[in-house]
Amino acid sequence: MIRQTMIQARVITCSDGAFHGSRVDKSGPAVRALLEGNGYAVDLVTVVPDDVDEIATAIENAVGDGARLVVTTGGTGLAPRDVTPEATMRVAERVVPGFGEVMRAKSTTKMAALSRAIAATRGGSLIVNLPGSVNGATECLNAVLELIPHAVELLAGGRVEQHPG
């Protein structure tokens, strides 16, 4: 387990199919299980359509409800309806490029270079975009999981010197 102090988190699945009931959301619950297994307190897994306004509102609501970590799944590719990074940027204050770089570098799929997943901040919260497949979402989250506690600590005004070796 990576965390000892619980960080409040929310998972947002961005998928037209899951939102309209034509497919079952598997990535959201998988991300929730991974986060909870590492000591995060996930208050909700919500599903929204692939729509910039809907995704942006869901992120704003999560932060407003106290989530210090907001994890999205889906909508990070090149398809016309893949708009999660755009929605994230609409509500973000700063981009954290290293998260996307690490996720793509550590991915085992050759298609990782097509991912536009990003991470960004809004206030004291960290937003992390993940791919929509269960394997892609959990693999990418595992790639950055050890970075999240320190990032959240820094966003809360924690001391820079207290980073994990």
N, C-alpha and C. Protein backbone atom coordinates (compact mmCIF):
# COMPACT_ATOMS: atom_id res chain seq x y z
N MET A 1 0.84 -1.18 0.00
CA MET A 1 0.00 0.00 0.00
C MET A 1 0.89 1.25 0.00
N ILE A 2 0.53 2.21 -0.82
CA ILE A 2 1.33 3.42 -0.97
C ILE A 2 0.92 4.49 0.03
N ARG A 3 -0.38 4.65 0.29
CA ARG A 3 -0.87 5.74 1.14
C ARG A 3 -1.12 5.27 2.55
N GLN A 4 -0.83 6.16 3.52
CA GLN A 4 -1.24 5.91 4.89
C GLN A 4 -2.28 6.94 5.31
N THR A 5 -2.20 8.15 4.79
CA THR A 5 -3.20 9.17 5.02
C THR A 5 -4.15 9.16 3.83
N MET A 6 -5.43 9.03 4.10
CA MET A 6 -6.39 8.92 2.99
C MET A 6 -6.54 10.22 2.23
N ILE A 7 -6.48 10.10 0.93
CA ILE A 7 -6.74 11.21 0.03
C ILE A 7 -8.12 10.98 -0.56
N GLN A 8 -8.97 12.00 -0.49
CA GLN A 8 -10.31 11.91 -1.07
C GLN A 8 -10.21 11.94 -2.59
N ALA A 9 -10.83 10.99 -3.26
CA ALA A 9 -10.74 10.88 -4.71
C ALA A 9 -12.12 10.66 -5.33
N ARG A 10 -12.22 11.01 -6.61
CA ARG A 10 -13.42 10.72 -7.40
C ARG A 10 -12.98 10.22 -8.76
N VAL A 11 -13.73 9.27 -9.30
CA VAL A 11 -13.47 8.71 -10.61
C VAL A 11 -14.60 9.13 -11.54
N ILE A 12 -14.23 9.63 -12.72
CA ILE A 12 -15.21 10.05 -13.72
C ILE A 12 -14.94 9.26 -15.00
N THR A 13 -15.91 8.45 -15.41
CA THR A 13 -15.80 7.73 -16.67
C THR A 13 -16.43 8.60 -17.76
N CYS A 14 -15.66 8.85 -18.81
CA CYS A 14 -16.12 9.68 -19.92
C CYS A 14 -16.38 8.76 -21.11
N SER A 15 -17.66 8.47 -21.34
CA SER A 15 -18.00 7.50 -22.38
C SER A 15 -19.46 7.66 -22.79
N ASP A 16 -19.69 7.93 -24.07
CA ASP A 16 -21.05 7.98 -24.58
C ASP A 16 -21.75 6.64 -24.37
N GLY A 17 -21.06 5.55 -24.70
CA GLY A 17 -21.65 4.22 -24.60
C GLY A 17 -22.06 3.86 -23.18
N ALA A 18 -21.18 4.10 -22.22
CA ALA A 18 -21.50 3.79 -20.82
C ALA A 18 -22.60 4.72 -20.31
N PHE A 19 -22.55 5.98 -20.71
CA PHE A 19 -23.56 6.94 -20.26
C PHE A 19 -24.95 6.55 -20.77
N HIS A 20 -25.04 6.11 -22.02
CA HIS A 20 -26.33 5.77 -22.62
C HIS A 20 -26.72 4.31 -22.39
N GLY A 21 -25.87 3.55 -21.70
CA GLY A 21 -26.21 2.18 -21.34
C GLY A 21 -25.97 1.13 -22.41
N SER A 22 -25.27 1.50 -23.48
CA SER A 22 -25.00 0.51 -24.53
C SER A 22 -23.73 -0.30 -24.24
N ARG A 23 -22.99 0.10 -23.23
CA ARG A 23 -21.85 -0.71 -22.76
C ARG A 23 -21.69 -0.52 -21.26
N VAL A 24 -21.13 -1.52 -20.62
CA VAL A 24 -20.91 -1.48 -19.18
C VAL A 24 -19.58 -0.78 -18.89
N ASP A 25 -19.61 0.13 -17.93
CA ASP A 25 -18.37 0.80 -17.51
C ASP A 25 -17.55 -0.17 -16.67
N LYS A 26 -16.43 -0.59 -17.20
CA LYS A 26 -15.53 -1.47 -16.46
C LYS A 26 -14.29 -0.73 -15.96
N SER A 27 -13.88 0.32 -16.68
CA SER A 27 -12.65 1.03 -16.29
C SER A 27 -12.85 1.84 -15.02
N GLY A 28 -14.01 2.49 -14.85
CA GLY A 28 -14.25 3.27 -13.63
C GLY A 28 -14.16 2.41 -12.38
N PRO A 29 -14.89 1.29 -12.31
CA PRO A 29 -14.77 0.42 -11.14
C PRO A 29 -13.36 -0.16 -10.95
N ALA A 30 -12.65 -0.44 -12.05
CA ALA A 30 -11.28 -0.96 -11.92
C ALA A 30 -10.35 0.10 -11.32
N VAL A 31 -10.52 1.35 -11.75
CA VAL A 31 -9.71 2.43 -11.19
C VAL A 31 -10.06 2.65 -9.72
N ARG A 32 -11.35 2.60 -9.41
CA ARG A 32 -11.77 2.73 -8.01
C ARG A 32 -11.11 1.66 -7.15
N ALA A 33 -11.16 0.41 -7.60
CA ALA A 33 -10.58 -0.70 -6.84
C ALA A 33 -9.08 -0.49 -6.63
N LEU A 34 -8.38 -0.04 -7.67
CA LEU A 34 -6.95 0.20 -7.56
C LEU A 34 -6.66 1.32 -6.56
N LEU A 35 -7.42 2.39 -6.64
CA LEU A 35 -7.22 3.50 -5.70
C LEU A 35 -7.52 3.07 -4.28
N GLU A 36 -8.66 2.43 -4.06
CA GLU A 36 -9.03 2.00 -2.71
C GLU A 36 -8.03 0.99 -2.16
N GLY A 37 -7.51 0.13 -3.02
CA GLY A 37 -6.50 -0.84 -2.60
C GLY A 37 -5.20 -0.19 -2.18
N ASN A 38 -5.02 1.08 -2.56
CA ASN A 38 -3.83 1.82 -2.18
C ASN A 38 -4.14 2.94 -1.18
N GLY A 39 -5.28 2.81 -0.51
CA GLY A 39 -5.59 3.69 0.61
C GLY A 39 -6.30 4.99 0.29
N TYR A 40 -6.79 5.15 -0.92
CA TYR A 40 -7.54 6.36 -1.28
C TYR A 40 -9.01 6.17 -0.92
N ALA A 41 -9.68 7.24 -0.55
CA ALA A 41 -11.11 7.21 -0.25
C ALA A 41 -11.86 7.71 -1.47
N VAL A 42 -12.42 6.79 -2.24
CA VAL A 42 -13.14 7.15 -3.46
C VAL A 42 -14.62 7.33 -3.10
N ASP A 43 -15.12 8.55 -3.24
CA ASP A 43 -16.49 8.82 -2.85
C ASP A 43 -17.51 8.41 -3.90
N LEU A 44 -17.09 8.37 -5.19
CA LEU A 44 -18.06 8.15 -6.25
C LEU A 44 -17.35 7.78 -7.54
N VAL A 45 -17.97 6.90 -8.31
CA VAL A 45 -17.60 6.68 -9.70
C VAL A 45 -18.80 7.16 -10.50
N THR A 46 -18.60 8.19 -11.29
CA THR A 46 -19.69 8.76 -12.07
C THR A 46 -19.41 8.60 -13.55
N VAL A 47 -20.45 8.52 -14.34
CA VAL A 47 -20.32 8.35 -15.79
C VAL A 47 -20.94 9.55 -16.48
N VAL A 48 -20.18 10.14 -17.40
CA VAL A 48 -20.66 11.28 -18.18
C VAL A 48 -20.42 10.99 -19.66
N PRO A 49 -21.18 11.65 -20.54
CA PRO A 49 -20.95 11.45 -21.97
C PRO A 49 -19.67 12.13 -22.42
N ASP A 50 -19.23 11.78 -23.61
CA ASP A 50 -18.05 12.41 -24.21
C ASP A 50 -18.43 13.81 -24.70
N ASP A 51 -18.52 14.73 -23.76
CA ASP A 51 -18.94 16.09 -24.05
C ASP A 51 -18.11 17.03 -23.18
N VAL A 52 -17.47 18.01 -23.80
CA VAL A 52 -16.58 18.91 -23.07
C VAL A 52 -17.28 19.54 -21.87
N ASP A 53 -18.48 20.07 -22.08
CA ASP A 53 -19.18 20.74 -20.98
C ASP A 53 -19.52 19.79 -19.85
N GLU A 54 -20.00 18.59 -20.18
CA GLU A 54 -20.37 17.60 -19.16
C GLU A 54 -19.15 17.14 -18.36
N ILE A 55 -18.05 16.89 -19.05
CA ILE A 55 -16.83 16.44 -18.36
C ILE A 55 -16.29 17.57 -17.49
N ALA A 56 -16.22 18.77 -18.02
CA ALA A 56 -15.72 19.91 -17.26
C ALA A 56 -16.55 20.14 -16.00
N THR A 57 -17.86 20.05 -16.13
CA THR A 57 -18.75 20.22 -14.98
C THR A 57 -18.52 19.13 -13.95
N ALA A 58 -18.35 17.89 -14.40
CA ALA A 58 -18.11 16.78 -13.47
C ALA A 58 -16.80 16.99 -12.71
N ILE A 59 -15.78 17.48 -13.38
CA ILE A 59 -14.50 17.75 -12.70
C ILE A 59 -14.69 18.88 -11.69
N GLU A 60 -15.35 19.96 -12.10
CA GLU A 60 -15.61 21.07 -11.17
C GLU A 60 -16.40 20.60 -9.95
N ASN A 61 -17.41 19.76 -10.17
CA ASN A 61 -18.21 19.25 -9.06
C ASN A 61 -17.38 18.40 -8.12
N ALA A 62 -16.51 17.57 -8.68
CA ALA A 62 -15.65 16.72 -7.85
C ALA A 62 -14.75 17.57 -6.96
N VAL A 63 -14.13 18.56 -7.55
CA VAL A 63 -13.25 19.45 -6.77
C VAL A 63 -14.07 20.21 -5.73
N GLY A 64 -15.23 20.70 -6.14
CA GLY A 64 -16.11 21.43 -5.22
C GLY A 64 -16.59 20.57 -4.06
N ASP A 65 -16.72 19.27 -4.30
CA ASP A 65 -17.14 18.33 -3.24
C ASP A 65 -15.98 17.89 -2.36
N GLY A 66 -14.78 18.38 -2.63
CA GLY A 66 -13.64 18.07 -1.77
C GLY A 66 -12.68 17.03 -2.27
N ALA A 67 -12.87 16.53 -3.50
CA ALA A 67 -11.92 15.54 -4.02
C ALA A 67 -10.57 16.21 -4.25
N ARG A 68 -9.53 15.62 -3.68
CA ARG A 68 -8.17 16.13 -3.88
C ARG A 68 -7.54 15.49 -5.10
N LEU A 69 -8.09 14.35 -5.53
CA LEU A 69 -7.66 13.64 -6.72
C LEU A 69 -8.89 13.33 -7.55
N VAL A 70 -8.88 13.78 -8.81
CA VAL A 70 -9.95 13.48 -9.74
C VAL A 70 -9.33 12.68 -10.89
N VAL A 71 -9.81 11.46 -11.06
CA VAL A 71 -9.26 10.59 -12.10
C VAL A 71 -10.35 10.35 -13.14
N THR A 72 -10.04 10.67 -14.39
CA THR A 72 -10.98 10.40 -15.48
C THR A 72 -10.51 9.18 -16.25
N THR A 73 -11.46 8.44 -16.81
CA THR A 73 -11.13 7.34 -17.71
C THR A 73 -11.87 7.59 -19.02
N GLY A 74 -11.18 7.38 -20.11
CA GLY A 74 -11.80 7.49 -21.43
C GLY A 74 -11.63 8.86 -22.05
N GLY A 75 -11.81 8.89 -23.36
CA GLY A 75 -11.80 10.14 -24.10
C GLY A 75 -10.45 10.76 -24.32
N THR A 76 -9.38 9.95 -24.28
CA THR A 76 -8.03 10.51 -24.41
C THR A 76 -7.39 10.22 -25.76
N GLY A 77 -8.12 9.57 -26.64
CA GLY A 77 -7.57 9.19 -27.94
C GLY A 77 -7.75 10.26 -28.99
N LEU A 78 -7.79 9.81 -30.25
CA LEU A 78 -7.85 10.72 -31.39
C LEU A 78 -9.23 10.79 -32.05
N ALA A 79 -10.16 9.98 -31.60
CA ALA A 79 -11.50 9.98 -32.21
C ALA A 79 -12.16 11.35 -32.00
N PRO A 80 -13.06 11.72 -32.90
CA PRO A 80 -13.70 13.03 -32.78
C PRO A 80 -14.37 13.29 -31.43
N ARG A 81 -14.93 12.25 -30.79
CA ARG A 81 -15.61 12.44 -29.50
C ARG A 81 -14.66 12.32 -28.32
N ASP A 82 -13.38 12.08 -28.53
CA ASP A 82 -12.39 12.01 -27.45
C ASP A 82 -12.00 13.43 -27.05
N VAL A 83 -12.66 13.95 -26.02
CA VAL A 83 -12.49 15.36 -25.64
C VAL A 83 -12.12 15.57 -24.18
N THR A 84 -11.73 14.50 -23.49
CA THR A 84 -11.43 14.63 -22.07
C THR A 84 -10.27 15.59 -21.79
N PRO A 85 -9.16 15.55 -22.55
CA PRO A 85 -8.10 16.53 -22.28
C PRO A 85 -8.57 17.98 -22.48
N GLU A 86 -9.43 18.21 -23.48
CA GLU A 86 -9.94 19.56 -23.71
C GLU A 86 -10.81 20.02 -22.54
N ALA A 87 -11.64 19.12 -22.04
CA ALA A 87 -12.48 19.45 -20.89
C ALA A 87 -11.63 19.72 -19.66
N THR A 88 -10.60 18.91 -19.48
CA THR A 88 -9.69 19.11 -18.34
C THR A 88 -9.02 20.48 -18.44
N MET A 89 -8.54 20.81 -19.62
CA MET A 89 -7.87 22.11 -19.79
C MET A 89 -8.83 23.28 -19.58
N ARG A 90 -10.09 23.08 -19.87
CA ARG A 90 -11.07 24.15 -19.67
C ARG A 90 -11.16 24.56 -18.21
N VAL A 91 -11.00 23.61 -17.29
CA VAL A 91 -11.16 23.91 -15.87
C VAL A 91 -9.84 23.92 -15.10
N ALA A 92 -8.75 23.59 -15.77
CA ALA A 92 -7.45 23.50 -15.10
C ALA A 92 -6.77 24.85 -14.96
N GLU A 93 -5.91 24.92 -13.97
CA GLU A 93 -5.09 26.11 -13.77
C GLU A 93 -3.67 25.89 -14.28
N ARG A 94 -3.15 24.68 -14.07
CA ARG A 94 -1.79 24.36 -14.52
C ARG A 94 -1.74 22.92 -15.02
N VAL A 95 -0.91 22.71 -16.03
CA VAL A 95 -0.69 21.37 -16.57
C VAL A 95 0.51 20.75 -15.86
N VAL A 96 0.45 19.44 -15.67
CA VAL A 96 1.56 18.67 -15.09
C VAL A 96 2.02 17.69 -16.17
N PRO A 97 2.88 18.14 -17.10
CA PRO A 97 3.22 17.33 -18.27
C PRO A 97 3.88 16.00 -17.94
N GLY A 98 4.60 15.93 -16.85
CA GLY A 98 5.33 14.70 -16.52
C GLY A 98 4.44 13.49 -16.34
N PHE A 99 3.21 13.68 -15.86
CA PHE A 99 2.32 12.54 -15.66
C PHE A 99 2.00 11.86 -16.98
N GLY A 100 1.61 12.63 -17.99
CA GLY A 100 1.31 12.05 -19.30
C GLY A 100 2.53 11.40 -19.91
N GLU A 101 3.68 12.05 -19.73
CA GLU A 101 4.93 11.51 -20.28
C GLU A 101 5.25 10.16 -19.64
N VAL A 102 5.12 10.07 -18.32
CA VAL A 102 5.41 8.82 -17.62
C VAL A 102 4.42 7.73 -18.02
N MET A 103 3.15 8.09 -18.09
CA MET A 103 2.14 7.08 -18.46
C MET A 103 2.41 6.51 -19.85
N ARG A 104 2.72 7.38 -20.80
CA ARG A 104 2.99 6.89 -22.15
C ARG A 104 4.30 6.09 -22.20
N ALA A 105 5.31 6.54 -21.48
CA ALA A 105 6.61 5.85 -21.49
C ALA A 105 6.53 4.46 -20.87
N LYS A 106 5.72 4.30 -19.84
CA LYS A 106 5.64 3.02 -19.14
C LYS A 106 4.57 2.09 -19.69
N SER A 107 3.82 2.55 -20.65
CA SER A 107 2.76 1.73 -21.22
C SER A 107 3.35 0.57 -22.01
N THR A 108 2.66 -0.57 -21.98
CA THR A 108 3.15 -1.74 -22.70
C THR A 108 2.51 -1.87 -24.08
N THR A 109 1.58 -0.97 -24.43
CA THR A 109 0.96 -1.04 -25.74
C THR A 109 1.66 -0.10 -26.72
N LYS A 110 1.76 -0.55 -27.95
CA LYS A 110 2.38 0.29 -28.98
C LYS A 110 1.51 1.49 -29.31
N MET A 111 0.25 1.45 -28.96
CA MET A 111 -0.69 2.54 -29.26
C MET A 111 -0.61 3.67 -28.24
N ALA A 112 0.22 3.54 -27.23
CA ALA A 112 0.31 4.56 -26.19
C ALA A 112 0.65 5.94 -26.75
N ALA A 113 1.40 5.98 -27.83
CA ALA A 113 1.78 7.27 -28.42
C ALA A 113 0.57 8.03 -28.95
N LEU A 114 -0.55 7.35 -29.14
CA LEU A 114 -1.77 8.02 -29.61
C LEU A 114 -2.60 8.60 -28.47
N SER A 115 -2.19 8.33 -27.23
CA SER A 115 -2.91 8.85 -26.07
C SER A 115 -2.59 10.32 -25.86
N ARG A 116 -3.63 11.11 -25.59
CA ARG A 116 -3.45 12.52 -25.28
C ARG A 116 -3.70 12.79 -23.80
N ALA A 117 -3.65 11.74 -22.98
CA ALA A 117 -3.92 11.87 -21.55
C ALA A 117 -2.99 12.90 -20.92
N ILE A 118 -3.58 13.72 -20.07
CA ILE A 118 -2.81 14.76 -19.37
C ILE A 118 -3.11 14.71 -17.88
N ALA A 119 -2.37 15.48 -17.14
CA ALA A 119 -2.68 15.75 -15.74
C ALA A 119 -2.60 17.25 -15.56
N ALA A 120 -3.41 17.74 -14.64
CA ALA A 120 -3.46 19.18 -14.42
C ALA A 120 -3.92 19.43 -12.99
N THR A 121 -3.87 20.69 -12.58
CA THR A 121 -4.32 21.06 -11.26
C THR A 121 -5.49 22.04 -11.35
N ARG A 122 -6.30 22.00 -10.33
CA ARG A 122 -7.36 22.99 -10.13
C ARG A 122 -7.41 23.23 -8.62
N GLY A 123 -7.00 24.41 -8.22
CA GLY A 123 -6.91 24.68 -6.78
C GLY A 123 -5.95 23.70 -6.14
N GLY A 124 -6.39 23.06 -5.07
CA GLY A 124 -5.56 22.09 -4.38
C GLY A 124 -5.79 20.67 -4.83
N SER A 125 -6.40 20.51 -6.01
CA SER A 125 -6.71 19.16 -6.51
C SER A 125 -5.90 18.82 -7.75
N LEU A 126 -5.61 17.54 -7.87
CA LEU A 126 -4.91 17.00 -9.03
C LEU A 126 -5.91 16.24 -9.89
N ILE A 127 -5.88 16.50 -11.19
CA ILE A 127 -6.75 15.82 -12.16
C ILE A 127 -5.85 14.97 -13.04
N VAL A 128 -6.17 13.69 -13.18
CA VAL A 128 -5.37 12.78 -14.00
C VAL A 128 -6.29 12.09 -15.01
N ASN A 129 -5.98 12.25 -16.29
CA ASN A 129 -6.73 11.57 -17.36
C ASN A 129 -6.10 10.21 -17.63
N LEU A 130 -6.94 9.19 -17.75
CA LEU A 130 -6.49 7.84 -18.08
C LEU A 130 -7.23 7.35 -19.32
N PRO A 131 -6.65 6.39 -20.04
CA PRO A 131 -7.37 5.77 -21.16
C PRO A 131 -8.65 5.08 -20.67
N GLY A 132 -9.51 4.72 -21.61
CA GLY A 132 -10.80 4.13 -21.26
C GLY A 132 -10.82 2.63 -21.08
N SER A 133 -9.82 1.92 -21.58
CA SER A 133 -9.81 0.47 -21.39
C SER A 133 -9.35 0.14 -19.97
N VAL A 134 -9.80 -1.00 -19.46
CA VAL A 134 -9.40 -1.40 -18.11
C VAL A 134 -7.88 -1.53 -18.03
N ASN A 135 -7.28 -2.23 -19.01
CA ASN A 135 -5.83 -2.42 -18.98
C ASN A 135 -5.09 -1.10 -19.09
N GLY A 136 -5.51 -0.23 -20.01
CA GLY A 136 -4.86 1.06 -20.18
C GLY A 136 -5.00 1.94 -18.96
N ALA A 137 -6.20 1.97 -18.38
CA ALA A 137 -6.44 2.81 -17.22
C ALA A 137 -5.62 2.36 -16.01
N THR A 138 -5.64 1.06 -15.73
CA THR A 138 -4.92 0.59 -14.54
C THR A 138 -3.41 0.64 -14.75
N GLU A 139 -2.95 0.33 -15.94
CA GLU A 139 -1.52 0.41 -16.22
C GLU A 139 -1.01 1.84 -16.08
N CYS A 140 -1.74 2.78 -16.64
CA CYS A 140 -1.30 4.18 -16.57
C CYS A 140 -1.40 4.73 -15.15
N LEU A 141 -2.46 4.35 -14.42
CA LEU A 141 -2.56 4.80 -13.03
C LEU A 141 -1.42 4.22 -12.20
N ASN A 142 -1.12 2.95 -12.40
CA ASN A 142 0.01 2.35 -11.67
C ASN A 142 1.32 3.07 -11.98
N ALA A 143 1.46 3.58 -13.19
CA ALA A 143 2.70 4.26 -13.58
C ALA A 143 2.93 5.55 -12.79
N VAL A 144 1.84 6.20 -12.34
CA VAL A 144 1.99 7.48 -11.64
C VAL A 144 1.52 7.43 -10.19
N LEU A 145 1.06 6.29 -9.74
CA LEU A 145 0.46 6.17 -8.42
C LEU A 145 1.36 6.67 -7.30
N GLU A 146 2.65 6.36 -7.39
CA GLU A 146 3.55 6.77 -6.31
C GLU A 146 3.83 8.28 -6.33
N LEU A 147 3.53 8.96 -7.43
CA LEU A 147 3.74 10.41 -7.53
C LEU A 147 2.58 11.20 -6.94
N ILE A 148 1.41 10.62 -6.91
CA ILE A 148 0.20 11.35 -6.54
C ILE A 148 0.24 11.90 -5.11
N PRO A 149 0.59 11.11 -4.10
CA PRO A 149 0.58 11.67 -2.74
C PRO A 149 1.45 12.92 -2.59
N HIS A 150 2.63 12.89 -3.18
CA HIS A 150 3.52 14.05 -3.07
C HIS A 150 2.95 15.24 -3.83
N ALA A 151 2.38 14.99 -5.00
CA ALA A 151 1.77 16.08 -5.78
C ALA A 151 0.64 16.72 -4.99
N VAL A 152 -0.21 15.91 -4.39
CA VAL A 152 -1.34 16.44 -3.60
C VAL A 152 -0.83 17.19 -2.38
N GLU A 153 0.22 16.68 -1.77
CA GLU A 153 0.83 17.37 -0.62
C GLU A 153 1.36 18.74 -1.04
N LEU A 154 2.03 18.81 -2.18
CA LEU A 154 2.55 20.08 -2.66
C LEU A 154 1.41 21.06 -2.98
N LEU A 155 0.34 20.55 -3.56
CA LEU A 155 -0.81 21.41 -3.87
C LEU A 155 -1.44 21.98 -2.60
N ALA A 156 -1.31 21.26 -1.50
CA ALA A 156 -1.85 21.72 -0.22
C ALA A 156 -0.89 22.65 0.51
N GLY A 157 0.26 22.93 -0.12
CA GLY A 157 1.23 23.82 0.51
C GLY A 157 2.27 23.09 1.33
N GLY A 158 2.38 21.78 1.12
CA GLY A 158 3.39 20.99 1.85
C GLY A 158 4.80 21.40 1.47
N ARG A 159 5.73 21.04 2.34
CA ARG A 159 7.12 21.41 2.14
C ARG A 159 7.73 20.59 1.01
N VAL A 160 8.45 21.24 0.13
CA VAL A 160 9.10 20.59 -1.00
C VAL A 160 10.16 19.60 -0.50
N GLU A 161 10.81 19.89 0.59
CA GLU A 161 11.88 19.04 1.09
C GLU A 161 11.38 17.67 1.57
N GLN A 162 10.09 17.51 1.76
CA GLN A 162 9.56 16.28 2.30
C GLN A 162 9.20 15.25 1.24
N HIS A 163 9.80 15.37 0.05
CA HIS A 163 9.48 14.42 -1.01
C HIS A 163 9.99 13.03 -0.67
N PRO A 164 9.33 12.01 -1.20
CA PRO A 164 9.79 10.64 -0.94
C PRO A 164 11.03 10.33 -1.76
N GLY A 165 12.16 10.11 -1.11
CA GLY A 165 13.43 9.82 -1.72
C GLY A 165 13.40 9.48 -3.10
